Amino acid sequence: MSRDLTLFPNDNIGEYLWQRQQAGDELEQPREVEFSVLFPSQELALQFGQLLLENNQKLSFTPFQDNNEYPWEITSYPEMPLNYENITAYQALLETGSEPLKGKFDGFYCL
């Protein structure tokens, strides 16, 4: 099967989705995806967390020990089909919303 670059662009997200699709994952089956944003202070992280909660998002708030400059992590857990549009749109939403609070997008993960 040849790779459709409109569905699986040549970047990290497209490659991740392509590999999952090639492994037989049914990408259109909705599932929980973890998106993490790091913050330089607990107060800023909590402000962002409140923003997500006000928008009915499931989240976790934890210390992040792998980065001294960004020691607080907010992880959001939306449920969605795995496709490029969904992942990039949610990532952009988090980046835009966290930017005024000095947030730094740290990636996404899905079982």
N, C-alpha and C. Protein backbone atom coordinates (compact mmCIF):
# COMPACT_ATOMS: atom_id res chain seq x y z
N MET A 1 0.84 -1.18 0.00
CA MET A 1 0.00 0.00 0.00
C MET A 1 0.89 1.24 0.00
N SER A 2 0.62 2.17 -0.91
CA SER A 2 1.42 3.39 -0.95
C SER A 2 0.85 4.40 0.05
N ARG A 3 1.74 5.23 0.53
CA ARG A 3 1.39 6.21 1.56
C ARG A 3 0.73 7.43 0.94
N ASP A 4 -0.48 7.74 1.41
CA ASP A 4 -1.21 8.93 0.97
C ASP A 4 -0.73 10.10 1.84
N LEU A 5 0.03 11.02 1.25
CA LEU A 5 0.61 12.11 2.03
C LEU A 5 -0.42 13.14 2.49
N THR A 6 -1.64 13.09 1.97
CA THR A 6 -2.68 13.97 2.50
C THR A 6 -3.20 13.42 3.83
N LEU A 7 -3.17 12.11 4.01
CA LEU A 7 -3.60 11.49 5.26
C LEU A 7 -2.43 11.30 6.23
N PHE A 8 -1.24 11.05 5.69
CA PHE A 8 -0.05 10.76 6.48
C PHE A 8 1.12 11.62 6.00
N PRO A 9 1.08 12.94 6.29
CA PRO A 9 2.14 13.84 5.82
C PRO A 9 3.53 13.41 6.31
N ASN A 10 4.53 13.98 5.66
CA ASN A 10 5.92 13.66 5.97
C ASN A 10 6.42 14.47 7.17
N ASP A 11 5.88 14.21 8.34
CA ASP A 11 6.35 14.81 9.58
C ASP A 11 6.18 13.78 10.70
N ASN A 12 6.50 14.16 11.93
CA ASN A 12 6.43 13.21 13.04
C ASN A 12 5.03 12.63 13.24
N ILE A 13 4.01 13.47 13.15
CA ILE A 13 2.64 13.00 13.36
C ILE A 13 2.22 12.07 12.22
N GLY A 14 2.48 12.49 11.00
CA GLY A 14 2.14 11.65 9.85
C GLY A 14 2.85 10.31 9.90
N GLU A 15 4.11 10.32 10.29
CA GLU A 15 4.88 9.07 10.39
C GLU A 15 4.31 8.17 11.48
N TYR A 16 3.97 8.75 12.62
CA TYR A 16 3.37 7.99 13.72
C TYR A 16 2.08 7.32 13.27
N LEU A 17 1.22 8.08 12.62
CA LEU A 17 -0.06 7.54 12.15
C LEU A 17 0.15 6.47 11.08
N TRP A 18 1.09 6.70 10.17
CA TRP A 18 1.38 5.73 9.12
C TRP A 18 1.84 4.41 9.72
N GLN A 19 2.75 4.49 10.70
CA GLN A 19 3.25 3.27 11.34
C GLN A 19 2.13 2.51 12.03
N ARG A 20 1.25 3.23 12.72
CA ARG A 20 0.12 2.57 13.40
C ARG A 20 -0.83 1.93 12.38
N GLN A 21 -1.09 2.64 11.30
CA GLN A 21 -1.98 2.11 10.27
C GLN A 21 -1.36 0.87 9.65
N GLN A 22 -0.07 0.89 9.39
CA GLN A 22 0.62 -0.26 8.80
C GLN A 22 0.64 -1.45 9.74
N ALA A 23 0.60 -1.19 11.06
CA ALA A 23 0.57 -2.26 12.06
C ALA A 23 -0.84 -2.83 12.25
N GLY A 24 -1.82 -2.27 11.52
CA GLY A 24 -3.17 -2.80 11.60
C GLY A 24 -4.09 -2.07 12.55
N ASP A 25 -3.65 -0.96 13.11
CA ASP A 25 -4.50 -0.18 14.02
C ASP A 25 -5.66 0.44 13.24
N GLU A 26 -6.84 0.33 13.78
CA GLU A 26 -8.02 0.97 13.19
C GLU A 26 -8.07 2.40 13.69
N LEU A 27 -7.47 3.30 12.94
CA LEU A 27 -7.28 4.68 13.37
C LEU A 27 -8.58 5.43 13.61
N GLU A 28 -9.63 5.06 12.91
CA GLU A 28 -10.90 5.80 13.07
C GLU A 28 -11.68 5.37 14.32
N GLN A 29 -11.21 4.36 15.01
CA GLN A 29 -11.83 3.95 16.29
C GLN A 29 -11.47 4.99 17.35
N PRO A 30 -12.44 5.73 17.90
CA PRO A 30 -12.10 6.73 18.92
C PRO A 30 -11.41 6.10 20.12
N ARG A 31 -10.43 6.82 20.61
CA ARG A 31 -9.71 6.38 21.80
C ARG A 31 -9.13 7.60 22.50
N GLU A 32 -8.72 7.40 23.75
CA GLU A 32 -8.15 8.47 24.54
C GLU A 32 -6.72 8.75 24.08
N VAL A 33 -6.42 10.03 23.88
CA VAL A 33 -5.08 10.45 23.49
C VAL A 33 -4.57 11.40 24.56
N GLU A 34 -3.31 11.25 24.95
CA GLU A 34 -2.70 12.10 25.97
C GLU A 34 -1.89 13.21 25.29
N PHE A 35 -2.20 14.45 25.61
CA PHE A 35 -1.47 15.62 25.12
C PHE A 35 -0.89 16.35 26.31
N SER A 36 0.42 16.57 26.32
CA SER A 36 1.07 17.19 27.48
C SER A 36 1.63 18.57 27.16
N VAL A 37 1.46 19.47 28.14
CA VAL A 37 2.00 20.82 28.05
C VAL A 37 2.77 21.06 29.35
N LEU A 38 3.99 21.61 29.22
CA LEU A 38 4.84 21.89 30.37
C LEU A 38 4.81 23.38 30.70
N PHE A 39 5.00 23.69 32.00
CA PHE A 39 4.95 25.08 32.47
C PHE A 39 6.10 25.38 33.41
N PRO A 40 6.53 26.65 33.43
CA PRO A 40 7.63 27.03 34.30
C PRO A 40 7.25 27.20 35.77
N SER A 41 5.94 27.30 36.06
CA SER A 41 5.53 27.44 37.47
C SER A 41 4.22 26.68 37.71
N GLN A 42 4.04 26.32 38.95
CA GLN A 42 2.82 25.63 39.35
C GLN A 42 1.60 26.50 39.11
N GLU A 43 1.72 27.79 39.41
CA GLU A 43 0.60 28.72 39.25
C GLU A 43 0.13 28.80 37.79
N LEU A 44 1.08 28.90 36.86
CA LEU A 44 0.72 28.97 35.44
C LEU A 44 0.09 27.67 34.96
N ALA A 45 0.63 26.56 35.41
CA ALA A 45 0.06 25.25 35.04
C ALA A 45 -1.38 25.13 35.55
N LEU A 46 -1.61 25.55 36.78
CA LEU A 46 -2.96 25.47 37.34
C LEU A 46 -3.93 26.40 36.61
N GLN A 47 -3.46 27.56 36.17
CA GLN A 47 -4.31 28.46 35.39
C GLN A 47 -4.73 27.79 34.07
N PHE A 48 -3.79 27.12 33.44
CA PHE A 48 -4.12 26.43 32.19
C PHE A 48 -5.05 25.26 32.46
N GLY A 49 -4.79 24.54 33.53
CA GLY A 49 -5.67 23.44 33.90
C GLY A 49 -7.09 23.91 34.13
N GLN A 50 -7.25 25.04 34.77
CA GLN A 50 -8.59 25.59 35.00
C GLN A 50 -9.27 25.90 33.67
N LEU A 51 -8.51 26.44 32.74
CA LEU A 51 -9.04 26.74 31.42
C LEU A 51 -9.56 25.47 30.74
N LEU A 52 -8.78 24.39 30.83
CA LEU A 52 -9.21 23.12 30.25
C LEU A 52 -10.45 22.57 30.95
N LEU A 53 -10.47 22.65 32.28
CA LEU A 53 -11.62 22.16 33.03
C LEU A 53 -12.89 22.93 32.68
N GLU A 54 -12.74 24.22 32.48
CA GLU A 54 -13.90 25.04 32.10
C GLU A 54 -14.44 24.63 30.73
N ASN A 55 -13.61 23.95 29.94
CA ASN A 55 -14.03 23.46 28.63
C ASN A 55 -14.27 21.95 28.65
N ASN A 56 -14.58 21.43 29.85
CA ASN A 56 -14.95 20.04 30.05
C ASN A 56 -13.90 19.03 29.58
N GLN A 57 -12.63 19.38 29.75
CA GLN A 57 -11.56 18.47 29.38
C GLN A 57 -11.09 17.67 30.59
N LYS A 58 -10.87 16.39 30.38
CA LYS A 58 -10.27 15.54 31.40
C LYS A 58 -8.78 15.85 31.42
N LEU A 59 -8.18 15.99 32.62
CA LEU A 59 -6.77 16.32 32.68
C LEU A 59 -6.11 15.79 33.93
N SER A 60 -4.79 15.81 33.91
CA SER A 60 -3.99 15.51 35.09
C SER A 60 -2.97 16.63 35.26
N PHE A 61 -2.52 16.81 36.49
CA PHE A 61 -1.55 17.83 36.85
C PHE A 61 -0.48 17.16 37.68
N THR A 62 0.77 17.20 37.22
CA THR A 62 1.85 16.52 37.93
C THR A 62 3.15 17.30 37.83
N PRO A 63 4.05 17.08 38.79
CA PRO A 63 5.40 17.62 38.64
C PRO A 63 6.08 16.90 37.47
N PHE A 64 6.97 17.61 36.79
CA PHE A 64 7.71 17.04 35.67
C PHE A 64 9.20 17.19 35.98
N GLN A 65 9.84 16.10 36.32
CA GLN A 65 11.21 16.16 36.83
C GLN A 65 12.27 16.15 35.75
N ASP A 66 11.91 15.96 34.48
CA ASP A 66 12.89 15.87 33.41
C ASP A 66 13.31 17.23 32.85
N ASN A 67 12.72 18.32 33.34
CA ASN A 67 13.04 19.64 32.81
C ASN A 67 12.97 20.66 33.94
N ASN A 68 14.12 21.15 34.37
CA ASN A 68 14.16 22.10 35.48
C ASN A 68 13.51 23.44 35.15
N GLU A 69 13.51 23.82 33.87
CA GLU A 69 12.90 25.09 33.48
C GLU A 69 11.38 25.00 33.35
N TYR A 70 10.88 23.80 33.13
CA TYR A 70 9.44 23.55 32.98
C TYR A 70 9.06 22.37 33.87
N PRO A 71 8.99 22.59 35.19
CA PRO A 71 8.81 21.46 36.11
C PRO A 71 7.36 21.04 36.39
N TRP A 72 6.39 21.60 35.66
CA TRP A 72 4.98 21.24 35.90
C TRP A 72 4.32 20.83 34.60
N GLU A 73 3.54 19.76 34.67
CA GLU A 73 2.92 19.20 33.47
C GLU A 73 1.40 19.11 33.63
N ILE A 74 0.72 19.59 32.61
CA ILE A 74 -0.72 19.37 32.47
C ILE A 74 -0.89 18.43 31.29
N THR A 75 -1.60 17.34 31.51
CA THR A 75 -1.90 16.40 30.43
C THR A 75 -3.41 16.37 30.26
N SER A 76 -3.83 16.54 29.02
CA SER A 76 -5.24 16.50 28.66
C SER A 76 -5.51 15.17 27.96
N TYR A 77 -6.72 14.64 28.14
CA TYR A 77 -7.07 13.31 27.63
C TYR A 77 -8.33 13.33 26.77
N PRO A 78 -8.30 14.00 25.62
CA PRO A 78 -9.49 13.97 24.77
C PRO A 78 -9.66 12.59 24.12
N GLU A 79 -10.88 12.27 23.78
CA GLU A 79 -11.16 11.04 23.06
C GLU A 79 -11.44 11.42 21.61
N MET A 80 -10.73 10.75 20.70
CA MET A 80 -10.87 11.10 19.29
C MET A 80 -10.38 9.96 18.40
N PRO A 81 -10.85 9.92 17.16
CA PRO A 81 -10.23 9.04 16.19
C PRO A 81 -8.81 9.56 15.92
N LEU A 82 -7.89 8.66 15.65
CA LEU A 82 -6.51 9.08 15.35
C LEU A 82 -6.41 9.45 13.88
N ASN A 83 -6.40 10.73 13.61
CA ASN A 83 -6.11 11.19 12.26
C ASN A 83 -5.34 12.50 12.36
N TYR A 84 -4.69 12.85 11.28
CA TYR A 84 -3.80 14.00 11.26
C TYR A 84 -4.53 15.28 11.64
N GLU A 85 -5.71 15.47 11.10
CA GLU A 85 -6.47 16.69 11.37
C GLU A 85 -6.81 16.82 12.85
N ASN A 86 -7.30 15.75 13.47
CA ASN A 86 -7.66 15.80 14.88
C ASN A 86 -6.45 16.11 15.77
N ILE A 87 -5.35 15.42 15.52
CA ILE A 87 -4.17 15.59 16.37
C ILE A 87 -3.58 16.98 16.20
N THR A 88 -3.40 17.43 14.98
CA THR A 88 -2.79 18.75 14.78
C THR A 88 -3.71 19.87 15.26
N ALA A 89 -5.01 19.71 15.11
CA ALA A 89 -5.94 20.75 15.57
C ALA A 89 -5.93 20.85 17.09
N TYR A 90 -5.92 19.70 17.78
CA TYR A 90 -5.91 19.75 19.24
C TYR A 90 -4.58 20.27 19.75
N GLN A 91 -3.49 19.88 19.10
CA GLN A 91 -2.17 20.39 19.47
C GLN A 91 -2.14 21.91 19.31
N ALA A 92 -2.64 22.42 18.20
CA ALA A 92 -2.65 23.86 17.95
C ALA A 92 -3.50 24.59 19.00
N LEU A 93 -4.62 23.99 19.37
CA LEU A 93 -5.48 24.57 20.40
C LEU A 93 -4.72 24.68 21.73
N LEU A 94 -4.01 23.63 22.10
CA LEU A 94 -3.23 23.66 23.34
C LEU A 94 -2.09 24.67 23.27
N GLU A 95 -1.42 24.72 22.15
CA GLU A 95 -0.31 25.67 22.00
C GLU A 95 -0.80 27.11 22.09
N THR A 96 -1.90 27.40 21.40
CA THR A 96 -2.45 28.75 21.43
C THR A 96 -2.94 29.12 22.82
N GLY A 97 -3.63 28.20 23.48
CA GLY A 97 -4.16 28.46 24.81
C GLY A 97 -3.10 28.56 25.89
N SER A 98 -1.99 27.84 25.73
CA SER A 98 -0.96 27.84 26.77
C SER A 98 0.11 28.90 26.54
N GLU A 99 0.19 29.45 25.35
CA GLU A 99 1.24 30.43 25.04
C GLU A 99 1.26 31.63 25.99
N PRO A 100 0.11 32.25 26.30
CA PRO A 100 0.14 33.40 27.22
C PRO A 100 0.60 33.00 28.64
N LEU A 101 0.53 31.71 28.95
CA LEU A 101 0.93 31.22 30.27
C LEU A 101 2.32 30.57 30.23
N LYS A 102 3.05 30.83 29.15
CA LYS A 102 4.42 30.33 28.98
C LYS A 102 4.48 28.81 28.89
N GLY A 103 3.40 28.20 28.41
CA GLY A 103 3.36 26.75 28.25
C GLY A 103 4.17 26.31 27.05
N LYS A 104 4.66 25.09 27.13
CA LYS A 104 5.47 24.49 26.06
C LYS A 104 4.89 23.11 25.75
N PHE A 105 4.35 22.94 24.55
CA PHE A 105 3.78 21.66 24.16
C PHE A 105 4.87 20.59 24.22
N ASP A 106 4.54 19.43 24.81
CA ASP A 106 5.54 18.39 25.00
C ASP A 106 5.22 17.10 24.25
N GLY A 107 4.15 17.09 23.47
CA GLY A 107 3.86 15.92 22.67
C GLY A 107 2.56 15.23 23.02
N PHE A 108 2.29 14.14 22.28
CA PHE A 108 1.09 13.36 22.51
C PHE A 108 1.45 11.90 22.55
N TYR A 109 0.56 11.11 23.11
CA TYR A 109 0.79 9.67 23.24
C TYR A 109 -0.55 8.97 23.20
N CYS A 110 -0.56 7.79 22.63
CA CYS A 110 -1.77 6.97 22.61
C CYS A 110 -1.39 5.52 22.71
N LEU A 111 -2.10 4.77 23.55
CA LEU A 111 -1.83 3.33 23.67
C LEU A 111 -2.19 2.62 22.39
